[in-house]
């Protein structure tokens, strides 16, 4: 599936994937000579990252979030 790559400035890129394959982001950025040092998932399907959560924390999905998958 097609993917998007947006340069956000020195050292930052936004990658949009519809279907991820093994190490796809690392390969895409390597093609541009930009090694990957860190990745942060901002969304997955209809879900957006809860900005209130710290690394390693989690919370149950809300009823509305669960309904988006059905």
Protein backbone atom coordinates (compact mmCIF):
# COMPACT_ATOMS: atom_id res chain seq x y z
CA UNK A 1 0.00 0.00 0.00
CA UNK A 2 1.20 3.58 -0.59
CA UNK A 3 2.95 5.40 2.24
CA UNK A 4 3.58 9.07 2.93
CA UNK A 5 6.80 10.69 4.12
CA UNK A 6 6.78 14.32 5.25
CA UNK A 7 9.94 16.17 6.33
CA UNK A 8 9.18 18.18 9.49
CA UNK A 9 12.57 19.80 9.88
CA UNK A 10 16.00 18.83 11.13
CA UNK A 11 15.87 15.24 12.30
CA UNK A 12 12.06 14.87 12.18
CA UNK A 13 9.78 13.15 9.67
CA UNK A 14 6.13 12.09 9.70
CA UNK A 15 5.49 8.72 8.09
CA UNK A 16 1.96 7.63 7.20
CA UNK A 17 1.48 3.91 6.55
CA UNK A 18 -1.66 2.12 5.45
CA UNK A 19 -0.05 -1.29 5.84
CA UNK A 20 3.24 -1.77 7.66
CA UNK A 21 5.81 -4.34 6.73
CA UNK A 22 8.84 -5.48 8.70
CA UNK A 23 11.14 -2.45 9.28
CA UNK A 24 9.42 -0.52 6.48
CA UNK A 25 9.94 2.88 8.15
CA UNK A 26 13.64 2.23 8.67
CA UNK A 27 14.05 1.18 5.03
CA UNK A 28 12.11 4.21 3.73
CA UNK A 29 14.25 6.66 5.69
CA UNK A 30 17.49 4.84 4.89
CA UNK A 31 16.70 5.44 1.20
CA UNK A 32 16.86 9.17 1.99
CA UNK A 33 20.04 8.87 4.03
CA UNK A 34 18.24 9.49 7.34
CA UNK A 35 18.91 6.78 9.94
CA UNK A 36 16.10 6.04 12.40
CA UNK A 37 17.04 6.66 16.02
CA UNK A 38 13.53 6.68 17.54
CA UNK A 39 9.96 5.94 16.46
CA UNK A 40 6.72 7.16 18.03
CA UNK A 41 3.36 5.77 16.96
CA UNK A 42 0.76 8.57 16.91
CA UNK A 43 -2.25 6.56 15.79
CA UNK A 44 -3.33 3.11 14.77
CA UNK A 45 -6.43 2.70 12.66
CA UNK A 46 -9.16 4.89 14.14
CA UNK A 47 -7.31 5.31 17.46
CA UNK A 48 -5.14 8.31 18.32
CA UNK A 49 -2.39 8.28 20.94
CA UNK A 50 -3.64 9.49 24.32
CA UNK A 51 -1.26 12.38 25.05
CA UNK A 52 -1.94 12.03 28.81
CA UNK A 53 -0.25 8.60 28.92
CA UNK A 54 3.43 8.38 29.77
CA UNK A 55 5.74 5.81 28.14
CA UNK A 56 4.79 2.32 29.35
CA UNK A 57 1.36 3.37 30.63
CA UNK A 58 -1.92 2.14 29.19
CA UNK A 59 -5.66 2.50 29.73
CA UNK A 60 -8.72 0.52 28.72
CA UNK A 61 -10.41 1.53 25.47
CA UNK A 62 -13.60 3.53 25.84
CA UNK A 63 -16.92 2.20 24.55
CA UNK A 64 -16.72 4.72 21.69
CA UNK A 65 -13.21 3.56 20.72
CA UNK A 66 -14.30 -0.07 20.77
CA UNK A 67 -17.32 0.70 18.58
CA UNK A 68 -15.01 2.17 15.89
CA UNK A 69 -13.59 -1.32 15.33
CA UNK A 70 -16.97 -2.95 14.75
